Amino acid sequence: MMLAPVGFGGPQTIEYGGKVSAFQFETLVTLNLNGVPEPGSLILAAAGMLGIAAMRRRRA
C-alpha cells in the first residue's frame, strides 16, 4: 500500500479491512496518523546539516 506523506495539516485516518467467507473471518483496521516527525529523524537531519556546514566551512 502506497501512502502520501503525512503533513502538518492535522491527523489523518485510514481504514481498511477484509473478509473471507469460507472461514467466516472478517477484519477492520483503523489507523490514526499524526504529522509529527520522530525524534530520531530530527536528530539525523540536524547531524547532516552540521556535517554539511562543517564541509562548507572547511572548503572556504
C-alpha atoms as a PDB file:
ATOM      1  CA  MET A   1       0.000   0.000   0.000  1.00  0.00           C
ATOM      2  CA  MET A   2       1.432   3.357  -1.004  1.00  0.00           C
ATOM      3  CA  LEU A   3       0.515   6.389   1.082  1.00  0.00           C
ATOM      4  CA  ALA A   4       1.130  10.062   0.548  1.00  0.00           C
ATOM      5  CA  PRO A   5       3.368  11.667   3.188  1.00  0.00           C
ATOM      6  CA  VAL A   6       1.524  12.852   6.264  1.00  0.00           C
ATOM      7  CA  GLY A   7       1.951  16.602   6.592  1.00  0.00           C
ATOM      8  CA  PHE A   8       1.463  19.002   9.442  1.00  0.00           C
ATOM      9  CA  GLY A   9      -2.145  19.664   8.427  1.00  0.00           C
ATOM     10  CA  GLY A  10      -3.555  17.553  11.231  1.00  0.00           C
ATOM     11  CA  PRO A  11      -4.430  13.956  11.922  1.00  0.00           C
ATOM     12  CA  GLN A  12      -5.453  11.570   9.156  1.00  0.00           C
ATOM     13  CA  THR A  13      -7.477   8.360   9.492  1.00  0.00           C
ATOM     14  CA  ILE A  14      -7.084   5.296   7.266  1.00  0.00           C
ATOM     15  CA  GLU A  15      -9.486   2.352   7.467  1.00  0.00           C
ATOM     16  CA  TYR A  16      -9.046  -0.943   5.651  1.00  0.00           C
ATOM     17  CA  GLY A  17     -10.230  -4.473   6.133  1.00  0.00           C
ATOM     18  CA  GLY A  18     -11.238  -7.700   4.529  1.00  0.00           C
ATOM     19  CA  LYS A  19     -13.499 -10.718   4.739  1.00  0.00           C
ATOM     20  CA  VAL A  20     -13.035 -14.429   3.999  1.00  0.00           C
ATOM     21  CA  SER A  21     -16.437 -16.057   3.753  1.00  0.00           C
ATOM     22  CA  ALA A  22     -15.068 -19.639   3.699  1.00  0.00           C
ATOM     23  CA  PHE A  23     -13.720 -19.222   7.246  1.00  0.00           C
ATOM     24  CA  GLN A  24     -16.230 -16.632   8.479  1.00  0.00           C
ATOM     25  CA  PHE A  25     -13.329 -14.291   9.161  1.00  0.00           C
ATOM     26  CA  GLU A  26     -13.641 -10.527   8.997  1.00  0.00           C
ATOM     27  CA  THR A  27     -11.233  -7.758   9.993  1.00  0.00           C
ATOM     28  CA  LEU A  28     -11.266  -3.981  10.083  1.00  0.00           C
ATOM     29  CA  VAL A  29      -8.190  -1.929  10.931  1.00  0.00           C
ATOM     30  CA  THR A  30      -8.237   1.789  11.688  1.00  0.00           C
ATOM     31  CA  LEU A  31      -5.002   3.810  11.666  1.00  0.00           C
ATOM     32  CA  ASN A  32      -4.822   7.293  13.160  1.00  0.00           C
ATOM     33  CA  LEU A  33      -1.771   9.138  11.820  1.00  0.00           C
ATOM     34  CA  ASN A  34      -0.303  12.392  13.087  1.00  0.00           C
ATOM     35  CA  GLY A  35       2.133  14.523  11.110  1.00  0.00           C
ATOM     36  CA  VAL A  36       4.802  14.761  13.809  1.00  0.00           C
ATOM     37  CA  PRO A  37       8.344  13.664  12.899  1.00  0.00           C
ATOM     38  CA  GLU A  38      10.153  11.156  15.090  1.00  0.00           C
ATOM     39  CA  PRO A  39      12.891  12.475  17.398  1.00  0.00           C
ATOM     40  CA  GLY A  40      15.403  10.211  15.673  1.00  0.00           C
ATOM     41  CA  SER A  41      14.622  11.769  12.304  1.00  0.00           C
ATOM     42  CA  LEU A  42      15.159  15.249  13.700  1.00  0.00           C
ATOM     43  CA  ILE A  43      18.499  14.233  15.225  1.00  0.00           C
ATOM     44  CA  LEU A  44      19.682  12.690  11.943  1.00  0.00           C
ATOM     45  CA  ALA A  45      18.626  15.782   9.996  1.00  0.00           C
ATOM     46  CA  ALA A  46      20.468  18.054  12.445  1.00  0.00           C
ATOM     47  CA  ALA A  47      23.616  15.895  12.268  1.00  0.00           C
ATOM     48  CA  GLY A  48      23.517  16.009   8.465  1.00  0.00           C
ATOM     49  CA  MET A  49      23.141  19.785   8.426  1.00  0.00           C
ATOM     50  CA  LEU A  50      26.040  20.196  10.845  1.00  0.00           C
ATOM     51  CA  GLY A  51      28.167  17.952   8.627  1.00  0.00           C
ATOM     52  CA  ILE A  52      27.333  19.982   5.524  1.00  0.00           C
ATOM     53  CA  ALA A  53      28.078  23.239   7.360  1.00  0.00           C
ATOM     54  CA  ALA A  54      31.444  21.867   8.527  1.00  0.00           C
ATOM     55  CA  MET A  55      32.367  20.782   5.000  1.00  0.00           C
ATOM     56  CA  ARG A  56      31.490  24.195   3.553  1.00  0.00           C
ATOM     57  CA  ARG A  57      33.428  25.998   6.243  1.00  0.00           C
ATOM     58  CA  ARG A  58      36.457  23.762   5.696  1.00  0.00           C
ATOM     59  CA  ARG A  59      36.435  24.440   1.937  1.00  0.00           C
ATOM     60  CA  ALA A  60      36.135  28.209   2.381  1.00  0.00           C
END
